[in-house]
Amino acid sequence: MSYDVVAKTDPESVIDDEWGGMWFLKSELGTEELGMSVLELEPDGKGMEHDEADSGQEEVYYVVEGTIDVDLTAADETVTLEADEAIRLDAEEPRQLHNRGDERAKLILVGAPL
């Protein structure tokens, strides 16, 4: 087959419902070089501080709904993204996502190469 279809909720969320949800879609889509995830963060919810230096993958975060702060921890800088905005991050850039808004935020996260 030359395509695969998946629903966000086909895999289990890897974070607690109280913070939102995060669904890794790579396995369900059968991708080899591209990772794709859906992240939903409740107000005051935040992601794990991390970088991708070990994997070497750059990441793109696209905000579908809400507003999200991308804390660039090594640079002591915060980039605020609203719906329909995206950011690309180098693998070595430490980052943490934080929903400091009043509504649930929804993002699409894409990373490559894996």
PDB file of N, CA and C in Angstrom:
ATOM      1  N   MET A   1       0.846  -1.171   0.000  1.00  0.00           N
ATOM      2  CA  MET A   1       0.000   0.000   0.000  1.00  0.00           C
ATOM      3  C   MET A   1       0.896   1.241   0.000  1.00  0.00           C
ATOM      4  N   SER A   2       0.507   2.283  -0.720  1.00  0.00           N
ATOM      5  CA  SER A   2       1.328   3.477  -0.840  1.00  0.00           C
ATOM      6  C   SER A   2       0.928   4.589   0.119  1.00  0.00           C
ATOM      7  N   TYR A   3       0.040   4.306   1.065  1.00  0.00           N
ATOM      8  CA  TYR A   3      -0.319   5.313   2.061  1.00  0.00           C
ATOM      9  C   TYR A   3      -0.786   4.635   3.343  1.00  0.00           C
ATOM     10  N   ASP A   4      -0.778   5.399   4.435  1.00  0.00           N
ATOM     11  CA  ASP A   4      -1.264   4.930   5.722  1.00  0.00           C
ATOM     12  C   ASP A   4      -2.127   6.029   6.332  1.00  0.00           C
ATOM     13  N   VAL A   5      -3.183   5.636   7.014  1.00  0.00           N
ATOM     14  CA  VAL A   5      -4.085   6.571   7.669  1.00  0.00           C
ATOM     15  C   VAL A   5      -4.095   6.245   9.161  1.00  0.00           C
ATOM     16  N   VAL A   6      -4.091   7.290   9.988  1.00  0.00           N
ATOM     17  CA  VAL A   6      -4.082   7.094  11.430  1.00  0.00           C
ATOM     18  C   VAL A   6      -4.920   8.186  12.084  1.00  0.00           C
ATOM     19  N   ALA A   7      -5.544   7.878  13.190  1.00  0.00           N
ATOM     20  CA  ALA A   7      -6.237   8.870  14.006  1.00  0.00           C
ATOM     21  C   ALA A   7      -5.335   9.238  15.175  1.00  0.00           C
ATOM     22  N   LYS A   8      -5.451  10.452  15.629  1.00  0.00           N
ATOM     23  CA  LYS A   8      -4.627  10.925  16.752  1.00  0.00           C
ATOM     24  C   LYS A   8      -4.704   9.967  17.930  1.00  0.00           C
ATOM     25  N   THR A   9      -5.866   9.426  18.181  1.00  0.00           N
ATOM     26  CA  THR A   9      -6.052   8.598  19.364  1.00  0.00           C
ATOM     27  C   THR A   9      -5.773   7.108  19.129  1.00  0.00           C
ATOM     28  N   ASP A  10      -5.258   6.725  17.960  1.00  0.00           N
ATOM     29  CA  ASP A  10      -4.887   5.317  17.755  1.00  0.00           C
ATOM     30  C   ASP A  10      -3.819   4.880  18.759  1.00  0.00           C
ATOM     31  N   PRO A  11      -2.747   5.649  18.945  1.00  0.00           N
ATOM     32  CA  PRO A  11      -1.802   5.285  20.012  1.00  0.00           C
ATOM     33  C   PRO A  11      -2.275   5.856  21.352  1.00  0.00           C
ATOM     34  N   GLU A  12      -1.748   5.317  22.442  1.00  0.00           N
ATOM     35  CA  GLU A  12      -2.020   5.846  23.777  1.00  0.00           C
ATOM     36  C   GLU A  12      -1.274   7.166  23.953  1.00  0.00           C
ATOM     37  N   SER A  13      -1.866   8.086  24.693  1.00  0.00           N
ATOM     38  CA  SER A  13      -1.171   9.327  25.039  1.00  0.00           C
ATOM     39  C   SER A  13      -0.024   8.998  25.995  1.00  0.00           C
ATOM     40  N   VAL A  14       1.083   9.710  25.836  1.00  0.00           N
ATOM     41  CA  VAL A  14       2.246   9.465  26.696  1.00  0.00           C
ATOM     42  C   VAL A  14       2.318  10.439  27.874  1.00  0.00           C
ATOM     43  N   ILE A  15       1.342  11.346  27.985  1.00  0.00           N
ATOM     44  CA  ILE A  15       1.288  12.221  29.156  1.00  0.00           C
ATOM     45  C   ILE A  15      -0.102  12.135  29.782  1.00  0.00           C
ATOM     46  N   ASP A  16      -0.186  12.500  31.058  1.00  0.00           N
ATOM     47  CA  ASP A  16      -1.440  12.423  31.801  1.00  0.00           C
ATOM     48  C   ASP A  16      -2.497  13.345  31.211  1.00  0.00           C
ATOM     49  N   ASP A  17      -3.750  12.890  31.249  1.00  0.00           N
ATOM     50  CA  ASP A  17      -4.876  13.665  30.739  1.00  0.00           C
ATOM     51  C   ASP A  17      -4.986  15.037  31.390  1.00  0.00           C
ATOM     52  N   GLU A  18      -4.597  15.145  32.647  1.00  0.00           N
ATOM     53  CA  GLU A  18      -4.733  16.432  33.342  1.00  0.00           C
ATOM     54  C   GLU A  18      -3.896  17.532  32.689  1.00  0.00           C
ATOM     55  N   TRP A  19      -2.835  17.165  31.980  1.00  0.00           N
ATOM     56  CA  TRP A  19      -1.981  18.153  31.314  1.00  0.00           C
ATOM     57  C   TRP A  19      -2.338  18.333  29.852  1.00  0.00           C
ATOM     58  N   GLY A  20      -3.176  17.436  29.322  1.00  0.00           N
ATOM     59  CA  GLY A  20      -3.552  17.492  27.909  1.00  0.00           C
ATOM     60  C   GLY A  20      -3.410  16.119  27.301  1.00  0.00           C
ATOM     61  N   GLY A  21      -2.483  15.951  26.402  1.00  0.00           N
ATOM     62  CA  GLY A  21      -2.210  14.653  25.791  1.00  0.00           C
ATOM     63  C   GLY A  21      -1.111  14.793  24.754  1.00  0.00           C
ATOM     64  N   MET A  22      -0.383  13.701  24.533  1.00  0.00           N
ATOM     65  CA  MET A  22       0.646  13.679  23.496  1.00  0.00           C
ATOM     66  C   MET A  22       0.618  12.311  22.841  1.00  0.00           C
ATOM     67  N   TRP A  23       0.459  12.337  21.525  1.00  0.00           N
ATOM     68  CA  TRP A  23       0.325  11.112  20.760  1.00  0.00           C
ATOM     69  C   TRP A  23       1.430  11.047  19.716  1.00  0.00           C
ATOM     70  N   PHE A  24       2.289  10.016  19.800  1.00  0.00           N
ATOM     71  CA  PHE A  24       3.342   9.778  18.820  1.00  0.00           C
ATOM     72  C   PHE A  24       2.750   8.968  17.663  1.00  0.00           C
ATOM     73  N   LEU A  25       2.828   9.487  16.443  1.00  0.00           N
ATOM     74  CA  LEU A  25       2.187   8.844  15.300  1.00  0.00           C
ATOM     75  C   LEU A  25       3.156   8.125  14.369  1.00  0.00           C
ATOM     76  N   LYS A  26       4.453   8.184  14.672  1.00  0.00           N
ATOM     77  CA  LYS A  26       5.460   7.594  13.793  1.00  0.00           C
ATOM     78  C   LYS A  26       5.204   6.110  13.521  1.00  0.00           C
ATOM     79  N   SER A  27       5.016   5.337  14.556  1.00  0.00           N
ATOM     80  CA  SER A  27       4.819   3.889  14.378  1.00  0.00           C
ATOM     81  C   SER A  27       3.558   3.585  13.594  1.00  0.00           C
ATOM     82  N   GLU A  28       2.454   4.273  13.958  1.00  0.00           N
ATOM     83  CA  GLU A  28       1.188   4.015  13.287  1.00  0.00           C
ATOM     84  C   GLU A  28       1.231   4.393  11.812  1.00  0.00           C
ATOM     85  N   LEU A  29       2.004   5.430  11.481  1.00  0.00           N
ATOM     86  CA  LEU A  29       2.131   5.853  10.085  1.00  0.00           C
ATOM     87  C   LEU A  29       3.189   5.049   9.333  1.00  0.00           C
ATOM     88  N   GLY A  30       4.057   4.372  10.073  1.00  0.00           N
ATOM     89  CA  GLY A  30       5.097   3.573   9.434  1.00  0.00           C
ATOM     90  C   GLY A  30       6.209   4.407   8.815  1.00  0.00           C
ATOM     91  N   THR A  31       6.451   5.612   9.349  1.00  0.00           N
ATOM     92  CA  THR A  31       7.512   6.441   8.776  1.00  0.00           C
ATOM     93  C   THR A  31       8.877   5.938   9.228  1.00  0.00           C
ATOM     94  N   GLU A  32       9.879   6.132   8.390  1.00  0.00           N
ATOM     95  CA  GLU A  32      11.224   5.687   8.710  1.00  0.00           C
ATOM     96  C   GLU A  32      12.145   6.840   9.079  1.00  0.00           C
ATOM     97  N   GLU A  33      11.992   7.996   8.465  1.00  0.00           N
ATOM     98  CA  GLU A  33      12.896   9.127   8.664  1.00  0.00           C
ATOM     99  C   GLU A  33      12.224  10.355   9.260  1.00  0.00           C
ATOM    100  N   LEU A  34      10.933  10.268   9.522  1.00  0.00           N
ATOM    101  CA  LEU A  34      10.161  11.423   9.954  1.00  0.00           C
ATOM    102  C   LEU A  34       9.328  11.059  11.170  1.00  0.00           C
ATOM    103  N   GLY A  35       9.430  11.866  12.217  1.00  0.00           N
ATOM    104  CA  GLY A  35       8.577  11.686  13.384  1.00  0.00           C
ATOM    105  C   GLY A  35       7.488  12.734  13.379  1.00  0.00           C
ATOM    106  N   MET A  36       6.277  12.344  13.792  1.00  0.00           N
ATOM    107  CA  MET A  36       5.169  13.288  13.867  1.00  0.00           C
ATOM    108  C   MET A  36       4.379  12.990  15.125  1.00  0.00           C
ATOM    109  N   SER A  37       4.051  14.052  15.866  1.00  0.00           N
ATOM    110  CA  SER A  37       3.281  13.914  17.095  1.00  0.00           C
ATOM    111  C   SER A  37       2.252  15.022  17.172  1.00  0.00           C
ATOM    112  N   VAL A  38       1.200  14.759  17.943  1.00  0.00           N
ATOM    113  CA  VAL A  38       0.211  15.774  18.289  1.00  0.00           C
ATOM    114  C   VAL A  38       0.343  16.013  19.784  1.00  0.00           C
ATOM    115  N   LEU A  39       0.438  17.276  20.168  1.00  0.00           N
ATOM    116  CA  LEU A  39       0.554  17.648  21.571  1.00  0.00           C
ATOM    117  C   LEU A  39      -0.562  18.613  21.915  1.00  0.00           C
ATOM    118  N   GLU A  40      -1.273  18.322  22.986  1.00  0.00           N
ATOM    119  CA  GLU A  40      -2.284  19.229  23.512  1.00  0.00           C
ATOM    120  C   GLU A  40      -1.916  19.530  24.955  1.00  0.00           C
ATOM    121  N   LEU A  41      -1.832  20.816  25.279  1.00  0.00           N
ATOM    122  CA  LEU A  41      -1.470  21.240  26.632  1.00  0.00           C
ATOM    123  C   LEU A  41      -2.578  22.096  27.224  1.00  0.00           C
ATOM    124  N   GLU A  42      -3.007  21.724  28.414  1.00  0.00           N
ATOM    125  CA  GLU A  42      -3.965  22.522  29.163  1.00  0.00           C
ATOM    126  C   GLU A  42      -3.275  23.798  29.657  1.00  0.00           C
ATOM    127  N   PRO A  43      -4.028  24.822  30.050  1.00  0.00           N
ATOM    128  CA  PRO A  43      -3.412  26.007  30.651  1.00  0.00           C
ATOM    129  C   PRO A  43      -2.490  25.603  31.801  1.00  0.00           C
ATOM    130  N   ASP A  44      -1.331  26.223  31.854  1.00  0.00           N
ATOM    131  CA  ASP A  44      -0.255  25.936  32.807  1.00  0.00           C
ATOM    132  C   ASP A  44       0.451  24.610  32.549  1.00  0.00           C
ATOM    133  N   GLY A  45       0.063  23.895  31.496  1.00  0.00           N
ATOM    134  CA  GLY A  45       0.754  22.664  31.146  1.00  0.00           C
ATOM    135  C   GLY A  45       2.074  22.968  30.459  1.00  0.00           C
ATOM    136  N   LYS A  46       3.034  22.067  30.635  1.00  0.00           N
ATOM    137  CA  LYS A  46       4.324  22.267  29.974  1.00  0.00           C
ATOM    138  C   LYS A  46       4.911  20.939  29.562  1.00  0.00           C
ATOM    139  N   GLY A  47       5.740  21.020  28.536  1.00  0.00           N
ATOM    140  CA  GLY A  47       6.444  19.851  28.063  1.00  0.00           C
ATOM    141  C   GLY A  47       7.755  19.680  28.810  1.00  0.00           C
ATOM    142  N   MET A  48       8.427  18.594  28.512  1.00  0.00           N
ATOM    143  CA  MET A  48       9.707  18.298  29.136  1.00  0.00           C
ATOM    144  C   MET A  48      10.803  19.169  28.504  1.00  0.00           C
ATOM    145  N   GLU A  49      11.664  19.721  29.328  1.00  0.00           N
ATOM    146  CA  GLU A  49      12.823  20.435  28.778  1.00  0.00           C
ATOM    147  C   GLU A  49      13.744  19.403  28.145  1.00  0.00           C
ATOM    148  N   HIS A  50      14.137  19.659  26.901  1.00  0.00           N
ATOM    149  CA  HIS A  50      14.995  18.701  26.204  1.00  0.00           C
ATOM    150  C   HIS A  50      15.662  19.354  24.999  1.00  0.00           C
ATOM    151  N   ASP A  51      16.608  18.627  24.427  1.00  0.00           N
ATOM    152  CA  ASP A  51      17.146  18.944  23.109  1.00  0.00           C
ATOM    153  C   ASP A  51      17.195  17.634  22.341  1.00  0.00           C
ATOM    154  N   GLU A  52      17.584  17.695  21.107  1.00  0.00           N
ATOM    155  CA  GLU A  52      17.661  16.502  20.268  1.00  0.00           C
ATOM    156  C   GLU A  52      19.099  16.275  19.788  1.00  0.00           C
ATOM    157  N   ALA A  53      20.076  16.722  20.590  1.00  0.00           N
ATOM    158  CA  ALA A  53      21.485  16.599  20.204  1.00  0.00           C
ATOM    159  C   ALA A  53      21.877  15.143  19.953  1.00  0.00           C
ATOM    160  N   ASP A  54      21.391  14.217  20.776  1.00  0.00           N
ATOM    161  CA  ASP A  54      21.754  12.810  20.600  1.00  0.00           C
ATOM    162  C   ASP A  54      21.172  12.218  19.321  1.00  0.00           C
ATOM    163  N   SER A  55      19.941  12.606  18.984  1.00  0.00           N
ATOM    164  CA  SER A  55      19.305  12.051  17.786  1.00  0.00           C
ATOM    165  C   SER A  55      19.703  12.813  16.527  1.00  0.00           C
ATOM    166  N   GLY A  56      20.110  14.085  16.694  1.00  0.00           N
ATOM    167  CA  GLY A  56      20.488  14.902  15.549  1.00  0.00           C
ATOM    168  C   GLY A  56      19.308  15.429  14.749  1.00  0.00           C
ATOM    169  N   GLN A  57      18.098  15.264  15.249  1.00  0.00           N
ATOM    170  CA  GLN A  57      16.943  15.705  14.453  1.00  0.00           C
ATOM    171  C   GLN A  57      16.567  17.148  14.755  1.00  0.00           C
ATOM    172  N   GLU A  58      16.280  17.888  13.692  1.00  0.00           N
ATOM    173  CA  GLU A  58      15.689  19.207  13.871  1.00  0.00           C
ATOM    174  C   GLU A  58      14.192  19.011  14.022  1.00  0.00           C
ATOM    175  N   GLU A  59      13.543  19.951  14.682  1.00  0.00           N
ATOM    176  CA  GLU A  59      12.109  19.834  14.909  1.00  0.00           C
ATOM    177  C   GLU A  59      11.389  21.090  14.455  1.00  0.00           C
ATOM    178  N   VAL A  60      10.141  20.905  14.023  1.00  0.00           N
ATOM    179  CA  VAL A  60       9.249  22.003  13.694  1.00  0.00           C
ATOM    180  C   VAL A  60       8.012  21.840  14.557  1.00  0.00           C
ATOM    181  N   TYR A  61       7.605  22.929  15.202  1.00  0.00           N
ATOM    182  CA  TYR A  61       6.381  22.953  16.007  1.00  0.00           C
ATOM    183  C   TYR A  61       5.403  23.911  15.325  1.00  0.00           C
ATOM    184  N   TYR A  62       4.215  23.418  15.018  1.00  0.00           N
ATOM    185  CA  TYR A  62       3.174  24.210  14.381  1.00  0.00           C
ATOM    186  C   TYR A  62       1.985  24.282  15.330  1.00  0.00           C
ATOM    187  N   VAL A  63       1.555  25.499  15.674  1.00  0.00           N
ATOM    188  CA  VAL A  63       0.441  25.683  16.591  1.00  0.00           C
ATOM    189  C   VAL A  63      -0.863  25.671  15.800  1.00  0.00           C
ATOM    190  N   VAL A  64      -1.730  24.730  16.146  1.00  0.00           N
ATOM    191  CA  VAL A  64      -3.038  24.605  15.502  1.00  0.00           C
ATOM    192  C   VAL A  64      -4.067  25.464  16.227  1.00  0.00           C
ATOM    193  N   GLU A  65      -4.052  25.400  17.555  1.00  0.00           N
ATOM    194  CA  GLU A  65      -4.995  26.161  18.377  1.00  0.00           C
ATOM    195  C   GLU A  65      -4.276  26.708  19.598  1.00  0.00           C
ATOM    196  N   GLY A  66      -4.694  27.884  20.056  1.00  0.00           N
ATOM    197  CA  GLY A  66      -4.161  28.451  21.289  1.00  0.00           C
ATOM    198  C   GLY A  66      -2.859  29.205  21.077  1.00  0.00           C
ATOM    199  N   THR A  67      -2.173  29.428  22.183  1.00  0.00           N
ATOM    200  CA  THR A  67      -0.894  30.129  22.203  1.00  0.00           C
ATOM    201  C   THR A  67       0.082  29.300  23.019  1.00  0.00           C
ATOM    202  N   ILE A  68       1.322  29.233  22.567  1.00  0.00           N
ATOM    203  CA  ILE A  68       2.333  28.434  23.260  1.00  0.00           C
ATOM    204  C   ILE A  68       3.614  29.238  23.379  1.00  0.00           C
ATOM    205  N   ASP A  69       4.291  29.111  24.508  1.00  0.00           N
ATOM    206  CA  ASP A  69       5.611  29.701  24.682  1.00  0.00           C
ATOM    207  C   ASP A  69       6.652  28.614  24.484  1.00  0.00           C
ATOM    208  N   VAL A  70       7.652  28.903  23.678  1.00  0.00           N
ATOM    209  CA  VAL A  70       8.788  28.015  23.499  1.00  0.00           C
ATOM    210  C   VAL A  70       9.936  28.661  24.265  1.00  0.00           C
ATOM    211  N   ASP A  71      10.242  28.106  25.431  1.00  0.00           N
ATOM    212  CA  ASP A  71      11.335  28.618  26.246  1.00  0.00           C
ATOM    213  C   ASP A  71      12.640  28.031  25.725  1.00  0.00           C
ATOM    214  N   LEU A  72      13.505  28.887  25.194  1.00  0.00           N
ATOM    215  CA  LEU A  72      14.827  28.479  24.721  1.00  0.00           C
ATOM    216  C   LEU A  72      15.763  28.656  25.905  1.00  0.00           C
ATOM    217  N   THR A  73      15.930  27.589  26.667  1.00  0.00           N
ATOM    218  CA  THR A  73      16.527  27.683  27.998  1.00  0.00           C
ATOM    219  C   THR A  73      17.993  28.100  27.988  1.00  0.00           C
ATOM    220  N   ALA A  74      18.781  27.671  27.033  1.00  0.00           N
ATOM    221  CA  ALA A  74      20.191  28.050  26.990  1.00  0.00           C
ATOM    222  C   ALA A  74      20.359  29.511  26.615  1.00  0.00           C
ATOM    223  N   ALA A  75      19.448  30.031  25.802  1.00  0.00           N
ATOM    224  CA  ALA A  75      19.522  31.423  25.353  1.00  0.00           C
ATOM    225  C   ALA A  75      18.779  32.360  26.300  1.00  0.00           C
ATOM    226  N   ASP A  76      18.087  31.797  27.300  1.00  0.00           N
ATOM    227  CA  ASP A  76      17.267  32.584  28.221  1.00  0.00           C
ATOM    228  C   ASP A  76      16.322  33.492  27.431  1.00  0.00           C
ATOM    229  N   GLU A  77      15.629  32.877  26.466  1.00  0.00           N
ATOM    230  CA  GLU A  77      14.721  33.595  25.574  1.00  0.00           C
ATOM    231  C   GLU A  77      13.431  32.794  25.436  1.00  0.00           C
ATOM    232  N   THR A  78      12.321  33.476  25.243  1.00  0.00           N
ATOM    233  CA  THR A  78      11.039  32.825  25.018  1.00  0.00           C
ATOM    234  C   THR A  78      10.440  33.338  23.717  1.00  0.00           C
ATOM    235  N   VAL A  79      10.012  32.402  22.873  1.00  0.00           N
ATOM    236  CA  VAL A  79       9.327  32.738  21.628  1.00  0.00           C
ATOM    237  C   VAL A  79       7.866  32.337  21.816  1.00  0.00           C
ATOM    238  N   THR A  80       6.959  33.292  21.628  1.00  0.00           N
ATOM    239  CA  THR A  80       5.531  33.026  21.765  1.00  0.00           C
ATOM    240  C   THR A  80       4.927  32.808  20.384  1.00  0.00           C
ATOM    241  N   LEU A  81       4.236  31.684  20.245  1.00  0.00           N
ATOM    242  CA  LEU A  81       3.597  31.333  18.977  1.00  0.00           C
ATOM    243  C   LEU A  81       2.096  31.262  19.167  1.00  0.00           C
ATOM    244  N   GLU A  82       1.367  31.803  18.202  1.00  0.00           N
ATOM    245  CA  GLU A  82      -0.087  31.722  18.196  1.00  0.00           C
ATOM    246  C   GLU A  82      -0.519  30.774  17.088  1.00  0.00           C
ATOM    247  N   ALA A  83      -1.820  30.518  16.999  1.00  0.00           N
ATOM    248  CA  ALA A  83      -2.346  29.616  15.983  1.00  0.00           C
ATOM    249  C   ALA A  83      -1.849  30.010  14.597  1.00  0.00           C
ATOM    250  N   ASP A  84      -1.495  29.011  13.819  1.00  0.00           N
ATOM    251  CA  ASP A  84      -0.987  29.150  12.452  1.00  0.00           C
ATOM    252  C   ASP A  84       0.431  29.692  12.383  1.00  0.00           C
ATOM    253  N   GLU A  85       1.170  29.634  13.484  1.00  0.00           N
ATOM    254  CA  GLU A  85       2.593  29.998  13.471  1.00  0.00           C
ATOM    255  C   GLU A  85       3.424  28.762  13.799  1.00  0.00           C
ATOM    256  N   ALA A  86       4.664  28.768  13.305  1.00  0.00           N
ATOM    257  CA  ALA A  86       5.555  27.626  13.490  1.00  0.00           C
ATOM    258  C   ALA A  86       6.955  28.102  13.837  1.00  0.00           C
ATOM    259  N   ILE A  87       7.722  27.202  14.434  1.00  0.00           N
ATOM    260  CA  ILE A  87       9.125  27.452  14.733  1.00  0.00           C
ATOM    261  C   ILE A  87       9.913  26.206  14.355  1.00  0.00           C
ATOM    262  N   ARG A  88      11.113  26.406  13.805  1.00  0.00           N
ATOM    263  CA  ARG A  88      12.053  25.309  13.531  1.00  0.00           C
ATOM    264  C   ARG A  88      13.188  25.432  14.519  1.00  0.00           C
ATOM    265  N   LEU A  89      13.581  24.308  15.113  1.00  0.00           N
ATOM    266  CA  LEU A  89      14.631  24.304  16.131  1.00  0.00           C
ATOM    267  C   LEU A  89      15.769  23.379  15.724  1.00  0.00           C
ATOM    268  N   ASP A  90      17.007  23.870  15.870  1.00  0.00           N
ATOM    269  CA  ASP A  90      18.173  23.024  15.674  1.00  0.00           C
ATOM    270  C   ASP A  90      18.173  21.910  16.713  1.00  0.00           C
ATOM    271  N   ALA A  91      18.795  20.805  16.399  1.00  0.00           N
ATOM    272  CA  ALA A  91      18.845  19.658  17.309  1.00  0.00           C
ATOM    273  C   ALA A  91      19.469  20.026  18.654  1.00  0.00           C
ATOM    274  N   GLU A  92      20.476  20.878  18.639  1.00  0.00           N
ATOM    275  CA  GLU A  92      21.228  21.195  19.850  1.00  0.00           C
ATOM    276  C   GLU A  92      20.548  22.236  20.742  1.00  0.00           C
ATOM    277  N   GLU A  93      19.468  22.844  20.280  1.00  0.00           N
ATOM    278  CA  GLU A  93      18.810  23.929  21.019  1.00  0.00           C
ATOM    279  C   GLU A  93      17.936  23.373  22.154  1.00  0.00           C
ATOM    280  N   PRO A  94      18.301  23.604  23.423  1.00  0.00           N
ATOM    281  CA  PRO A  94      17.432  23.172  24.522  1.00  0.00           C
ATOM    282  C   PRO A  94      16.134  23.979  24.509  1.00  0.00           C
ATOM    283  N   ARG A  95      15.008  23.267  24.704  1.00  0.00           N
ATOM    284  CA  ARG A  95      13.711  23.924  24.623  1.00  0.00           C
ATOM    285  C   ARG A  95      12.728  23.300  25.594  1.00  0.00           C
ATOM    286  N   GLN A  96      11.720  24.094  25.948  1.00  0.00           N
ATOM    287  CA  GLN A  96      10.615  23.601  26.757  1.00  0.00           C
ATOM    288  C   GLN A  96       9.356  24.343  26.324  1.00  0.00           C
ATOM    289  N   LEU A  97       8.295  23.604  26.081  1.00  0.00           N
ATOM    290  CA  LEU A  97       7.016  24.193  25.697  1.00  0.00           C
ATOM    291  C   LEU A  97       6.184  24.462  26.941  1.00  0.00           C
ATOM    292  N   HIS A  98       5.493  25.601  26.939  1.00  0.00           N
ATOM    293  CA  HIS A  98       4.680  25.967  28.098  1.00  0.00           C
ATOM    294  C   HIS A  98       3.424  26.685  27.600  1.00  0.00           C
ATOM    295  N   ASN A  99       2.270  26.233  28.087  1.00  0.00           N
ATOM    296  CA  ASN A  99       1.012  26.902  27.769  1.00  0.00           C
ATOM    297  C   ASN A  99       0.693  27.849  28.923  1.00  0.00           C
ATOM    298  N   ARG A 100       1.003  29.105  28.752  1.00  0.00           N
ATOM    299  CA  ARG A 100       0.715  30.107  29.769  1.00  0.00           C
ATOM    300  C   ARG A 100      -0.600  30.831  29.485  1.00  0.00           C
ATOM    301  N   GLY A 101      -1.339  30.357  28.482  1.00  0.00           N
ATOM    302  CA  GLY A 101      -2.614  30.966  28.112  1.00  0.00           C
ATOM    303  C   GLY A 101      -3.766  30.433  28.939  1.00  0.00           C
ATOM    304  N   ASP A 102      -4.967  30.870  28.583  1.00  0.00           N
ATOM    305  CA  ASP A 102      -6.186  30.492  29.304  1.00  0.00           C
ATOM    306  C   ASP A 102      -6.957  29.363  28.637  1.00  0.00           C
ATOM    307  N   GLU A 103      -6.497  28.907  27.483  1.00  0.00           N
ATOM    308  CA  GLU A 103      -7.207  27.839  26.780  1.00  0.00           C
ATOM    309  C   GLU A 103      -6.243  26.737  26.396  1.00  0.00           C
ATOM    310  N   ARG A 104      -6.777  25.569  26.113  1.00  0.00           N
ATOM    311  CA  ARG A 104      -5.972  24.422  25.687  1.00  0.00           C
ATOM    312  C   ARG A 104      -5.256  24.770  24.389  1.00  0.00           C
ATOM    313  N   ALA A 105      -4.004  24.393  24.283  1.00  0.00           N
ATOM    314  CA  ALA A 105      -3.220  24.602  23.067  1.00  0.00           C
ATOM    315  C   ALA A 105      -3.021  23.257  22.366  1.00  0.00           C
ATOM    316  N   LYS A 106      -3.019  23.303  21.036  1.00  0.00           N
ATOM    317  CA  LYS A 106      -2.826  22.089  20.236  1.00  0.00           C
ATOM    318  C   LYS A 106      -1.734  22.349  19.224  1.00  0.00           C
ATOM    319  N   LEU A 107      -0.743  21.450  19.183  1.00  0.00           N
ATOM    320  CA  LEU A 107       0.396  21.594  18.283  1.00  0.00           C
ATOM    321  C   LEU A 107       0.637  20.319  17.504  1.00  0.00           C
ATOM    322  N   ILE A 108       1.235  20.486  16.330  1.00  0.00           N
ATOM    323  CA  ILE A 108       1.763  19.382  15.548  1.00  0.00           C
ATOM    324  C   ILE A 108       3.288  19.502  15.647  1.00  0.00           C
ATOM    325  N   LEU A 109       3.940  18.407  16.036  1.00  0.00           N
ATOM    326  CA  LEU A 109       5.387  18.371  16.178  1.00  0.00           C
ATOM    327  C   LEU A 109       5.947  17.422  15.118  1.00  0.00           C
ATOM    328  N   VAL A 110       6.942  17.906  14.380  1.00  0.00           N
ATOM    329  CA  VAL A 110       7.547  17.101  13.326  1.00  0.00           C
ATOM    330  C   VAL A 110       9.056  17.147  13.510  1.00  0.00           C
ATOM    331  N   GLY A 111       9.702  15.988  13.406  1.00  0.00           N
ATOM    332  CA  GLY A 111      11.143  15.920  13.540  1.00  0.00           C
ATOM    333  C   GLY A 111      11.747  14.993  12.506  1.00  0.00           C
ATOM    334  N   ALA A 112      12.943  15.363  12.016  1.00  0.00           N
ATOM    335  CA  ALA A 112      13.660  14.531  11.038  1.00  0.00           C
ATOM    336  C   ALA A 112      15.114  14.951  11.009  1.00  0.00           C
ATOM    337  N   PRO A 113      16.044  14.144  10.588  1.00  0.00           N
ATOM    338  CA  PRO A 113      15.864  12.712  10.339  1.00  0.00           C
ATOM    339  C   PRO A 113      15.906  11.929  11.649  1.00  0.00           C
ATOM    340  N   LEU A 114      15.342  10.765  11.640  1.00  0.00           N
ATOM    341  CA  LEU A 114      15.351   9.890  12.817  1.00  0.00           C
ATOM    342  C   LEU A 114      16.390   8.822  12.648  1.00  0.00           C
TER     343      LEU A 114
END
